[in-house]
Amino acid sequence: MSHDKIMVTILEDGTIKMETNKISVASHVNAENFLKECFRLAGGKSTVEFKKGLAVHEHAHGEHLHAH
């Protein structure tokens, strides 16, 4: 995957899986808002896993943890 792409996969059990590598500074806010809205609309439990070496630092906005 290259910059500024979010891969969305619907698994057989109905789980929605989203994967991304680095997101550019210019697209970060839009990507963050998109993911937050997806979490809200999907409801239920959401989890975030970070790929090793990808995050510069991690922090939470409300209940959603993410990295820059």
C-alpha atoms as a PDB file:
ATOM      1  CA  MET A   1       0.000   0.000   0.000  1.00  0.00           C
ATOM      2  CA  SER A   2       1.222   3.518  -0.711  1.00  0.00           C
ATOM      3  CA  HIS A   3       0.414   6.773   1.036  1.00  0.00           C
ATOM      4  CA  ASP A   4      -3.137   8.011   1.493  1.00  0.00           C
ATOM      5  CA  LYS A   5      -4.934   4.735   0.857  1.00  0.00           C
ATOM      6  CA  ILE A   6      -7.323   2.923   3.192  1.00  0.00           C
ATOM      7  CA  MET A   7      -8.099  -0.710   2.302  1.00  0.00           C
ATOM      8  CA  VAL A   8     -11.566  -1.810   3.478  1.00  0.00           C
ATOM      9  CA  THR A   9     -12.397  -5.524   3.683  1.00  0.00           C
ATOM     10  CA  ILE A  10     -15.663  -7.091   4.862  1.00  0.00           C
ATOM     11  CA  LEU A  11     -14.803 -10.435   6.449  1.00  0.00           C
ATOM     12  CA  GLU A  12     -17.091 -13.500   6.348  1.00  0.00           C
ATOM     13  CA  ASP A  13     -18.168 -12.919   9.976  1.00  0.00           C
ATOM     14  CA  GLY A  14     -19.331  -9.370   9.108  1.00  0.00           C
ATOM     15  CA  THR A  15     -16.307  -7.681  10.660  1.00  0.00           C
ATOM     16  CA  ILE A  16     -15.150  -4.564   8.808  1.00  0.00           C
ATOM     17  CA  LYS A  17     -11.370  -4.468   8.528  1.00  0.00           C
ATOM     18  CA  MET A  18      -9.579  -1.258   7.501  1.00  0.00           C
ATOM     19  CA  GLU A  19      -5.845  -1.124   6.835  1.00  0.00           C
ATOM     20  CA  THR A  20      -3.552   1.750   5.983  1.00  0.00           C
ATOM     21  CA  ASN A  21       0.095   2.609   5.892  1.00  0.00           C
ATOM     22  CA  LYS A  22       1.267   6.183   6.373  1.00  0.00           C
ATOM     23  CA  ILE A  23      -1.196   8.965   5.601  1.00  0.00           C
ATOM     24  CA  SER A  24       0.236  12.297   4.449  1.00  0.00           C
ATOM     25  CA  VAL A  25      -0.083  15.414   6.560  1.00  0.00           C
ATOM     26  CA  ALA A  26      -2.379  16.931   3.924  1.00  0.00           C
ATOM     27  CA  SER A  27      -4.811  13.976   4.150  1.00  0.00           C
ATOM     28  CA  HIS A  28      -4.505  13.125   7.851  1.00  0.00           C
ATOM     29  CA  VAL A  29      -7.523  15.082   9.129  1.00  0.00           C
ATOM     30  CA  ASN A  30      -9.789  13.771   6.359  1.00  0.00           C
ATOM     31  CA  ALA A  31      -8.650  10.184   6.957  1.00  0.00           C
ATOM     32  CA  GLU A  32      -9.127  10.553  10.715  1.00  0.00           C
ATOM     33  CA  ASN A  33     -12.641  11.973  10.263  1.00  0.00           C
ATOM     34  CA  PHE A  34     -13.524   9.202   7.781  1.00  0.00           C
ATOM     35  CA  LEU A  35     -12.420   6.468  10.194  1.00  0.00           C
ATOM     36  CA  LYS A  36     -14.175   8.106  13.136  1.00  0.00           C
ATOM     37  CA  GLU A  37     -17.429   8.267  11.170  1.00  0.00           C
ATOM     38  CA  CYS A  38     -17.035   4.629  10.077  1.00  0.00           C
ATOM     39  CA  PHE A  39     -16.601   3.591  13.726  1.00  0.00           C
ATOM     40  CA  ARG A  40     -19.692   5.592  14.698  1.00  0.00           C
ATOM     41  CA  LEU A  41     -21.887   4.218  11.912  1.00  0.00           C
ATOM     42  CA  ALA A  42     -20.768   0.603  12.359  1.00  0.00           C
ATOM     43  CA  GLY A  43     -21.410   0.677  16.107  1.00  0.00           C
ATOM     44  CA  GLY A  44     -20.235  -2.119  18.338  1.00  0.00           C
ATOM     45  CA  LYS A  45     -16.677  -2.628  19.476  1.00  0.00           C
ATOM     46  CA  SER A  46     -13.757  -1.168  17.550  1.00  0.00           C
ATOM     47  CA  THR A  47     -10.083  -1.996  17.989  1.00  0.00           C
ATOM     48  CA  VAL A  48      -6.977  -0.435  16.511  1.00  0.00           C
ATOM     49  CA  GLU A  49      -3.692  -2.249  15.886  1.00  0.00           C
ATOM     50  CA  PHE A  50      -0.536  -0.466  14.801  1.00  0.00           C
ATOM     51  CA  LYS A  51       2.019  -1.900  12.405  1.00  0.00           C
ATOM     52  CA  LYS A  52       5.521  -2.008  13.890  1.00  0.00           C
ATOM     53  CA  GLY A  53       7.657   0.958  12.961  1.00  0.00           C
ATOM     54  CA  LEU A  54       4.771   2.921  11.461  1.00  0.00           C
ATOM     55  CA  ALA A  55       3.757   5.201  14.325  1.00  0.00           C
ATOM     56  CA  VAL A  56       5.802   8.203  15.368  1.00  0.00           C
ATOM     57  CA  HIS A  57       3.607   8.599  18.425  1.00  0.00           C
ATOM     58  CA  GLU A  58       0.222   7.307  19.498  1.00  0.00           C
ATOM     59  CA  HIS A  59      -2.557   9.136  21.307  1.00  0.00           C
ATOM     60  CA  ALA A  60      -6.311   9.176  21.735  1.00  0.00           C
ATOM     61  CA  HIS A  61      -8.982  11.613  20.602  1.00  0.00           C
ATOM     62  CA  GLY A  62     -11.916  10.618  22.766  1.00  0.00           C
ATOM     63  CA  GLU A  63     -12.143   6.833  22.676  1.00  0.00           C
ATOM     64  CA  HIS A  64     -10.193   6.285  19.428  1.00  0.00           C
ATOM     65  CA  LEU A  65      -6.448   5.681  19.618  1.00  0.00           C
ATOM     66  CA  HIS A  66      -4.387   6.477  16.570  1.00  0.00           C
ATOM     67  CA  ALA A  67      -0.878   7.408  15.490  1.00  0.00           C
ATOM     68  CA  HIS A  68       0.898  10.260  13.758  1.00  0.00           C
END
